[in-house]
Amino acid sequence: MALFTPAILPSMDRVFKSFVEMAASGQLAEDVLVSLSRVVKGYVVAVALGVVMGTFMGMSDFLHNFFSLTLNAIRQIPILAWIPLIILWFGIGEESKIAVIVLGAYFPVLVNTISGIRQTPQGYVEVARLYRLSRWTVFRKVYLPSALPQIFVGMKLGLGISWVAVVASELIAASAGIGFRISDARSLMQADVVIVGMIVIGVLGLLMDKALSLVFHKATPWTR
């Protein structure tokens, strides 16, 4: 006697068959493209905001002291707790889903950028100041190379959270996407489709993580 019924824990054959059926119908490709588009848009905005704000807060003691307590309090709030408020602000369209992703991915990038900037050896900064370099040049030649490894750590963490955020947003209000498909399959007791969605998310997340690691190694040859 099986411990779980196929409706709860389907066989791998059934999962593979569902994957083939979804791929052949074009449904899987559509859901992947929708979710991937949301993740990329939200993630790019989060990285841009996180790096810019993190740089200013890392280089300025005033900004760091002024904002750090508030930002540390805000980032303790789970992303799921923000979704109802974001829906009230942006509605149930694409804007709300991208906003959830931005909010989820922003803080890891921000925190690690601040950490990377503030851990820059002060000896390098003092030498740059002796040469009367502009603040932009000091950032580009001193702070950025020193902080890049830490920034990429934040980007990798943010990427993982982006997938959590997109699935969470699609579970609540969406008509397409991997999260929507998982939610729809759950209501129809289609555990095989749920597992297909989970596997696809894992594979996409892994591929994007590997791509980001490749970019990191190309952008920071001095760390090897």
C-alpha atoms as a PDB file:
ATOM      1  CA  MET A   1       0.000   0.000   0.000  1.00  0.00           C
ATOM      2  CA  ALA A   2       1.413   3.359  -1.059  1.00  0.00           C
ATOM      3  CA  LEU A   3       2.099   5.904   1.642  1.00  0.00           C
ATOM      4  CA  PHE A   4       0.752   8.742  -0.525  1.00  0.00           C
ATOM      5  CA  THR A   5      -1.867   8.602  -3.256  1.00  0.00           C
ATOM      6  CA  PRO A   6      -0.856   9.721  -6.785  1.00  0.00           C
ATOM      7  CA  ALA A   7      -3.064  12.797  -6.350  1.00  0.00           C
ATOM      8  CA  ILE A   8      -0.802  13.941  -3.500  1.00  0.00           C
ATOM      9  CA  LEU A   9       2.583  12.634  -4.623  1.00  0.00           C
ATOM     10  CA  PRO A  10       2.561  11.651  -8.315  1.00  0.00           C
ATOM     11  CA  SER A  11       5.189   9.412  -9.854  1.00  0.00           C
ATOM     12  CA  MET A  12       8.078  10.907 -11.792  1.00  0.00           C
ATOM     13  CA  ASP A  13       6.614   9.359 -14.938  1.00  0.00           C
ATOM     14  CA  ARG A  14       3.424  11.336 -14.394  1.00  0.00           C
ATOM     15  CA  VAL A  15       5.382  14.525 -13.699  1.00  0.00           C
ATOM     16  CA  PHE A  16       7.440  14.047 -16.860  1.00  0.00           C
ATOM     17  CA  LYS A  17       4.284  13.381 -18.893  1.00  0.00           C
ATOM     18  CA  SER A  18       2.716  16.592 -17.579  1.00  0.00           C
ATOM     19  CA  PHE A  19       5.902  18.498 -18.439  1.00  0.00           C
ATOM     20  CA  VAL A  20       5.806  17.174 -22.016  1.00  0.00           C
ATOM     21  CA  GLU A  21       2.108  18.006 -22.364  1.00  0.00           C
ATOM     22  CA  MET A  22       2.582  21.550 -21.052  1.00  0.00           C
ATOM     23  CA  ALA A  23       5.623  22.093 -23.265  1.00  0.00           C
ATOM     24  CA  ALA A  24       3.859  20.741 -26.357  1.00  0.00           C
ATOM     25  CA  SER A  25       0.777  22.913 -25.818  1.00  0.00           C
ATOM     26  CA  GLY A  26       2.874  26.061 -25.449  1.00  0.00           C
ATOM     27  CA  GLN A  27       1.431  26.715 -22.000  1.00  0.00           C
ATOM     28  CA  LEU A  28       4.751  26.175 -20.247  1.00  0.00           C
ATOM     29  CA  ALA A  29       6.655  28.510 -22.565  1.00  0.00           C
ATOM     30  CA  GLU A  30       4.034  31.227 -22.081  1.00  0.00           C
ATOM     31  CA  ASP A  31       4.146  30.943 -18.291  1.00  0.00           C
ATOM     32  CA  VAL A  32       7.955  30.924 -18.262  1.00  0.00           C
ATOM     33  CA  LEU A  33       8.179  34.007 -20.472  1.00  0.00           C
ATOM     34  CA  VAL A  34       5.638  35.905 -18.368  1.00  0.00           C
ATOM     35  CA  SER A  35       7.358  35.122 -15.060  1.00  0.00           C
ATOM     36  CA  LEU A  36      10.854  35.603 -16.483  1.00  0.00           C
ATOM     37  CA  SER A  37       9.904  38.995 -17.901  1.00  0.00           C
ATOM     38  CA  ARG A  38       8.571  40.090 -14.515  1.00  0.00           C
ATOM     39  CA  VAL A  39      11.661  38.860 -12.697  1.00  0.00           C
ATOM     40  CA  VAL A  40      14.071  40.572 -15.101  1.00  0.00           C
ATOM     41  CA  LYS A  41      12.217  43.905 -14.986  1.00  0.00           C
ATOM     42  CA  GLY A  42      11.877  43.938 -11.213  1.00  0.00           C
ATOM     43  CA  TYR A  43      15.388  42.652 -10.620  1.00  0.00           C
ATOM     44  CA  VAL A  44      17.044  45.247 -12.868  1.00  0.00           C
ATOM     45  CA  VAL A  45      15.189  48.076 -11.119  1.00  0.00           C
ATOM     46  CA  ALA A  46      16.053  46.647  -7.683  1.00  0.00           C
ATOM     47  CA  VAL A  47      19.752  46.319  -8.543  1.00  0.00           C
ATOM     48  CA  ALA A  48      19.913  49.856  -9.942  1.00  0.00           C
ATOM     49  CA  LEU A  49      18.188  51.358  -6.907  1.00  0.00           C
ATOM     50  CA  GLY A  50      20.100  49.201  -4.434  1.00  0.00           C
ATOM     51  CA  VAL A  51      23.531  49.982  -5.878  1.00  0.00           C
ATOM     52  CA  VAL A  52      22.882  53.726  -6.197  1.00  0.00           C
ATOM     53  CA  MET A  53      21.339  54.133  -2.743  1.00  0.00           C
ATOM     54  CA  GLY A  54      23.874  51.767  -1.198  1.00  0.00           C
ATOM     55  CA  THR A  55      26.750  53.736  -2.698  1.00  0.00           C
ATOM     56  CA  PHE A  56      25.481  57.037  -1.307  1.00  0.00           C
ATOM     57  CA  MET A  57      24.836  55.522   2.124  1.00  0.00           C
ATOM     58  CA  GLY A  58      28.185  53.758   2.113  1.00  0.00           C
ATOM     59  CA  MET A  59      30.173  56.853   1.212  1.00  0.00           C
ATOM     60  CA  SER A  60      28.263  59.284   3.430  1.00  0.00           C
ATOM     61  CA  ASP A  61      28.247  58.840   7.197  1.00  0.00           C
ATOM     62  CA  PHE A  62      25.356  61.301   7.436  1.00  0.00           C
ATOM     63  CA  LEU A  63      23.115  59.352   5.042  1.00  0.00           C
ATOM     64  CA  HIS A  64      24.111  56.056   6.632  1.00  0.00           C
ATOM     65  CA  ASN A  65      23.233  57.246  10.132  1.00  0.00           C
ATOM     66  CA  PHE A  66      20.047  58.979   8.959  1.00  0.00           C
ATOM     67  CA  PHE A  67      18.528  56.098   6.972  1.00  0.00           C
ATOM     68  CA  SER A  68      20.023  52.909   8.401  1.00  0.00           C
ATOM     69  CA  LEU A  69      17.649  52.465  11.346  1.00  0.00           C
ATOM     70  CA  THR A  70      14.525  53.007   9.230  1.00  0.00           C
ATOM     71  CA  LEU A  71      15.718  50.756   6.409  1.00  0.00           C
ATOM     72  CA  ASN A  72      16.734  48.013   8.830  1.00  0.00           C
ATOM     73  CA  ALA A  73      13.248  48.119  10.348  1.00  0.00           C
ATOM     74  CA  ILE A  74      11.520  48.022   6.948  1.00  0.00           C
ATOM     75  CA  ARG A  75      13.569  45.096   5.653  1.00  0.00           C
ATOM     76  CA  GLN A  76      12.426  42.943   8.589  1.00  0.00           C
ATOM     77  CA  ILE A  77       8.869  42.977   7.207  1.00  0.00           C
ATOM     78  CA  PRO A  78       8.197  39.776   5.180  1.00  0.00           C
ATOM     79  CA  ILE A  79       7.556  40.326   1.489  1.00  0.00           C
ATOM     80  CA  LEU A  80       4.155  38.611   1.769  1.00  0.00           C
ATOM     81  CA  ALA A  81       3.033  41.257   4.257  1.00  0.00           C
ATOM     82  CA  TRP A  82       3.625  43.963   1.640  1.00  0.00           C
ATOM     83  CA  ILE A  83       1.496  42.376  -1.087  1.00  0.00           C
ATOM     84  CA  PRO A  84      -1.957  43.604   0.106  1.00  0.00           C
ATOM     85  CA  LEU A  85      -0.643  47.161   0.447  1.00  0.00           C
ATOM     86  CA  ILE A  86       1.099  47.039  -2.929  1.00  0.00           C
ATOM     87  CA  ILE A  87      -2.126  45.841  -4.559  1.00  0.00           C
ATOM     88  CA  LEU A  88      -3.959  48.790  -2.971  1.00  0.00           C
ATOM     89  CA  TRP A  89      -1.311  51.158  -4.337  1.00  0.00           C
ATOM     90  CA  PHE A  90      -0.769  49.693  -7.815  1.00  0.00           C
ATOM     91  CA  GLY A  91      -3.825  47.504  -8.451  1.00  0.00           C
ATOM     92  CA  ILE A  92      -3.576  43.914  -9.690  1.00  0.00           C
ATOM     93  CA  GLY A  93      -1.788  44.663 -12.959  1.00  0.00           C
ATOM     94  CA  GLU A  94       1.847  44.206 -13.938  1.00  0.00           C
ATOM     95  CA  GLU A  95       2.981  47.177 -11.872  1.00  0.00           C
ATOM     96  CA  SER A  96       2.089  45.498  -8.582  1.00  0.00           C
ATOM     97  CA  LYS A  97       3.912  42.271  -9.446  1.00  0.00           C
ATOM     98  CA  ILE A  98       7.051  44.117 -10.496  1.00  0.00           C
ATOM     99  CA  ALA A  99       6.840  46.282  -7.366  1.00  0.00           C
ATOM    100  CA  VAL A 100       6.793  43.150  -5.184  1.00  0.00           C
ATOM    101  CA  ILE A 101       9.924  41.866  -6.943  1.00  0.00           C
ATOM    102  CA  VAL A 102      11.679  45.231  -6.628  1.00  0.00           C
ATOM    103  CA  LEU A 103      10.911  45.370  -2.913  1.00  0.00           C
ATOM    104  CA  GLY A 104      12.092  41.815  -2.351  1.00  0.00           C
ATOM    105  CA  ALA A 105      15.362  42.092  -4.281  1.00  0.00           C
ATOM    106  CA  TYR A 106      16.208  45.666  -3.267  1.00  0.00           C
ATOM    107  CA  PHE A 107      17.310  45.150   0.325  1.00  0.00           C
ATOM    108  CA  PRO A 108      19.923  42.398  -0.220  1.00  0.00           C
ATOM    109  CA  VAL A 109      21.548  44.546  -2.914  1.00  0.00           C
ATOM    110  CA  LEU A 110      21.337  47.678  -0.759  1.00  0.00           C
ATOM    111  CA  VAL A 111      22.770  46.092   2.390  1.00  0.00           C
ATOM    112  CA  ASN A 112      25.641  44.372   0.599  1.00  0.00           C
ATOM    113  CA  THR A 113      26.492  47.493  -1.410  1.00  0.00           C
ATOM    114  CA  ILE A 114      26.677  49.546   1.790  1.00  0.00           C
ATOM    115  CA  SER A 115      28.829  46.860   3.400  1.00  0.00           C
ATOM    116  CA  GLY A 116      31.154  46.647   0.400  1.00  0.00           C
ATOM    117  CA  ILE A 117      31.599  50.413   0.147  1.00  0.00           C
ATOM    118  CA  ARG A 118      32.239  50.866   3.860  1.00  0.00           C
ATOM    119  CA  GLN A 119      34.752  47.994   3.928  1.00  0.00           C
ATOM    120  CA  THR A 120      36.946  49.700   1.324  1.00  0.00           C
ATOM    121  CA  PRO A 121      40.451  50.088   2.830  1.00  0.00           C
ATOM    122  CA  GLN A 122      40.762  53.671   4.009  1.00  0.00           C
ATOM    123  CA  GLY A 123      44.404  53.731   2.932  1.00  0.00           C
ATOM    124  CA  TYR A 124      43.307  53.553  -0.715  1.00  0.00           C
ATOM    125  CA  VAL A 125      40.799  56.353  -0.162  1.00  0.00           C
ATOM    126  CA  GLU A 126      43.400  58.578   1.496  1.00  0.00           C
ATOM    127  CA  VAL A 127      45.848  58.072  -1.372  1.00  0.00           C
ATOM    128  CA  ALA A 128      43.124  59.028  -3.862  1.00  0.00           C
ATOM    129  CA  ARG A 129      42.390  62.174  -1.874  1.00  0.00           C
ATOM    130  CA  LEU A 130      46.085  63.099  -1.808  1.00  0.00           C
ATOM    131  CA  TYR A 131      45.971  63.114  -5.607  1.00  0.00           C
ATOM    132  CA  ARG A 132      42.874  65.365  -5.414  1.00  0.00           C
ATOM    133  CA  LEU A 133      40.765  63.010  -7.469  1.00  0.00           C
ATOM    134  CA  SER A 134      37.102  63.873  -7.947  1.00  0.00           C
ATOM    135  CA  ARG A 135      34.486  61.959  -5.934  1.00  0.00           C
ATOM    136  CA  TRP A 136      33.330  60.240  -9.114  1.00  0.00           C
ATOM    137  CA  THR A 137      36.884  59.101  -9.892  1.00  0.00           C
ATOM    138  CA  VAL A 138      37.405  57.928  -6.314  1.00  0.00           C
ATOM    139  CA  PHE A 139      34.196  55.923  -6.547  1.00  0.00           C
ATOM    140  CA  ARG A 140      35.059  54.445  -9.941  1.00  0.00           C
ATOM    141  CA  LYS A 141      38.719  53.672  -9.219  1.00  0.00           C
ATOM    142  CA  VAL A 142      38.678  52.871  -5.489  1.00  0.00           C
ATOM    143  CA  TYR A 143      35.265  52.154  -3.994  1.00  0.00           C
ATOM    144  CA  LEU A 144      33.675  50.223  -6.858  1.00  0.00           C
ATOM    145  CA  PRO A 145      36.491  47.691  -7.472  1.00  0.00           C
ATOM    146  CA  SER A 146      36.708  47.056  -3.732  1.00  0.00           C
ATOM    147  CA  ALA A 147      32.944  46.710  -3.261  1.00  0.00           C
ATOM    148  CA  LEU A 148      32.094  44.680  -6.387  1.00  0.00           C
ATOM    149  CA  PRO A 149      32.498  41.219  -4.780  1.00  0.00           C
ATOM    150  CA  GLN A 150      30.132  42.212  -1.976  1.00  0.00           C
ATOM    151  CA  ILE A 151      27.713  43.832  -4.431  1.00  0.00           C
ATOM    152  CA  PHE A 152      27.553  40.623  -6.449  1.00  0.00           C
ATOM    153  CA  VAL A 153      26.762  38.683  -3.266  1.00  0.00           C
ATOM    154  CA  GLY A 154      23.778  40.981  -2.776  1.00  0.00           C
ATOM    155  CA  MET A 155      22.784  40.583  -6.416  1.00  0.00           C
ATOM    156  CA  LYS A 156      22.793  36.791  -6.107  1.00  0.00           C
ATOM    157  CA  LEU A 157      20.718  36.931  -2.938  1.00  0.00           C
ATOM    158  CA  GLY A 158      18.348  39.387  -4.594  1.00  0.00           C
ATOM    159  CA  LEU A 159      17.980  37.125  -7.611  1.00  0.00           C
ATOM    160  CA  GLY A 160      16.832  34.229  -5.446  1.00  0.00           C
ATOM    161  CA  ILE A 161      14.360  36.440  -3.616  1.00  0.00           C
ATOM    162  CA  SER A 162      13.076  37.740  -6.972  1.00  0.00           C
ATOM    163  CA  TRP A 163      11.779  34.269  -7.800  1.00  0.00           C
ATOM    164  CA  VAL A 164      10.173  33.960  -4.371  1.00  0.00           C
ATOM    165  CA  ALA A 165       8.538  37.356  -4.894  1.00  0.00           C
ATOM    166  CA  VAL A 166       7.237  36.673  -8.400  1.00  0.00           C
ATOM    167  CA  VAL A 167       5.673  33.370  -7.364  1.00  0.00           C
ATOM    168  CA  ALA A 168       4.113  35.008  -4.298  1.00  0.00           C
ATOM    169  CA  SER A 169       2.644  37.834  -6.372  1.00  0.00           C
ATOM    170  CA  GLU A 170       1.327  35.447  -9.038  1.00  0.00           C
ATOM    171  CA  LEU A 171      -0.273  33.192  -6.446  1.00  0.00           C
ATOM    172  CA  ILE A 172      -2.471  36.061  -5.321  1.00  0.00           C
ATOM    173  CA  ALA A 173      -3.371  38.046  -8.420  1.00  0.00           C
ATOM    174  CA  ALA A 174      -2.419  36.873 -11.907  1.00  0.00           C
ATOM    175  CA  SER A 175      -3.805  35.194 -15.007  1.00  0.00           C
ATOM    176  CA  ALA A 176      -0.495  33.825 -16.295  1.00  0.00           C
ATOM    177  CA  GLY A 177       2.936  32.900 -15.000  1.00  0.00           C
ATOM    178  CA  ILE A 178       4.488  29.978 -13.170  1.00  0.00           C
ATOM    179  CA  GLY A 179       3.117  31.060  -9.796  1.00  0.00           C
ATOM    180  CA  PHE A 180      -0.383  31.346 -11.253  1.00  0.00           C
ATOM    181  CA  ARG A 181      -0.067  27.904 -12.838  1.00  0.00           C
ATOM    182  CA  ILE A 182       1.027  26.392  -9.521  1.00  0.00           C
ATOM    183  CA  SER A 183      -1.909  28.009  -7.714  1.00  0.00           C
ATOM    184  CA  ASP A 184      -4.369  26.916 -10.391  1.00  0.00           C
ATOM    185  CA  ALA A 185      -3.028  23.349 -10.308  1.00  0.00           C
ATOM    186  CA  ARG A 186      -3.289  23.275  -6.527  1.00  0.00           C
ATOM    187  CA  SER A 187      -6.985  24.199  -6.680  1.00  0.00           C
ATOM    188  CA  LEU A 188      -7.526  21.418  -9.242  1.00  0.00           C
ATOM    189  CA  MET A 189      -5.526  18.873  -7.185  1.00  0.00           C
ATOM    190  CA  GLN A 190      -2.948  18.523  -9.984  1.00  0.00           C
ATOM    191  CA  ALA A 191       0.145  17.811  -7.908  1.00  0.00           C
ATOM    192  CA  ASP A 192       2.093  16.812 -11.020  1.00  0.00           C
ATOM    193  CA  VAL A 193       1.654  20.291 -12.523  1.00  0.00           C
ATOM    194  CA  VAL A 194       2.650  21.874  -9.203  1.00  0.00           C
ATOM    195  CA  ILE A 195       5.873  19.848  -9.197  1.00  0.00           C
ATOM    196  CA  VAL A 196       6.574  20.764 -12.831  1.00  0.00           C
ATOM    197  CA  GLY A 197       6.274  24.442 -11.879  1.00  0.00           C
ATOM    198  CA  MET A 198       8.605  23.975  -8.913  1.00  0.00           C
ATOM    199  CA  ILE A 199      11.215  22.213 -11.050  1.00  0.00           C
ATOM    200  CA  VAL A 200      11.037  24.900 -13.744  1.00  0.00           C
ATOM    201  CA  ILE A 201      11.556  27.650 -11.155  1.00  0.00           C
ATOM    202  CA  GLY A 202      14.539  25.779  -9.723  1.00  0.00           C
ATOM    203  CA  VAL A 203      16.133  25.305 -13.150  1.00  0.00           C
ATOM    204  CA  LEU A 204      15.562  28.920 -14.224  1.00  0.00           C
ATOM    205  CA  GLY A 205      16.907  30.235 -10.931  1.00  0.00           C
ATOM    206  CA  LEU A 206      19.986  28.025 -11.210  1.00  0.00           C
ATOM    207  CA  LEU A 207      20.689  29.120 -14.794  1.00  0.00           C
ATOM    208  CA  MET A 208      20.363  32.800 -13.899  1.00  0.00           C
ATOM    209  CA  ASP A 209      22.586  32.313 -10.854  1.00  0.00           C
ATOM    210  CA  LYS A 210      25.257  30.648 -13.004  1.00  0.00           C
ATOM    211  CA  ALA A 211      25.013  33.454 -15.565  1.00  0.00           C
ATOM    212  CA  LEU A 212      25.467  36.028 -12.805  1.00  0.00           C
ATOM    213  CA  SER A 213      28.497  34.128 -11.481  1.00  0.00           C
ATOM    214  CA  LEU A 214      30.001  34.171 -14.980  1.00  0.00           C
ATOM    215  CA  VAL A 215      29.475  37.931 -15.226  1.00  0.00           C
ATOM    216  CA  PHE A 216      31.104  38.339 -11.806  1.00  0.00           C
ATOM    217  CA  HIS A 217      34.227  36.404 -12.833  1.00  0.00           C
ATOM    218  CA  LYS A 218      34.498  38.403 -16.058  1.00  0.00           C
ATOM    219  CA  ALA A 219      33.977  41.738 -14.286  1.00  0.00           C
ATOM    220  CA  THR A 220      36.340  41.090 -11.371  1.00  0.00           C
ATOM    221  CA  PRO A 221      39.475  39.335 -12.674  1.00  0.00           C
ATOM    222  CA  TRP A 222      41.477  40.717  -9.722  1.00  0.00           C
ATOM    223  CA  THR A 223      39.511  38.533  -7.269  1.00  0.00           C
ATOM    224  CA  ARG A 224      40.836  35.280  -8.740  1.00  0.00           C
END
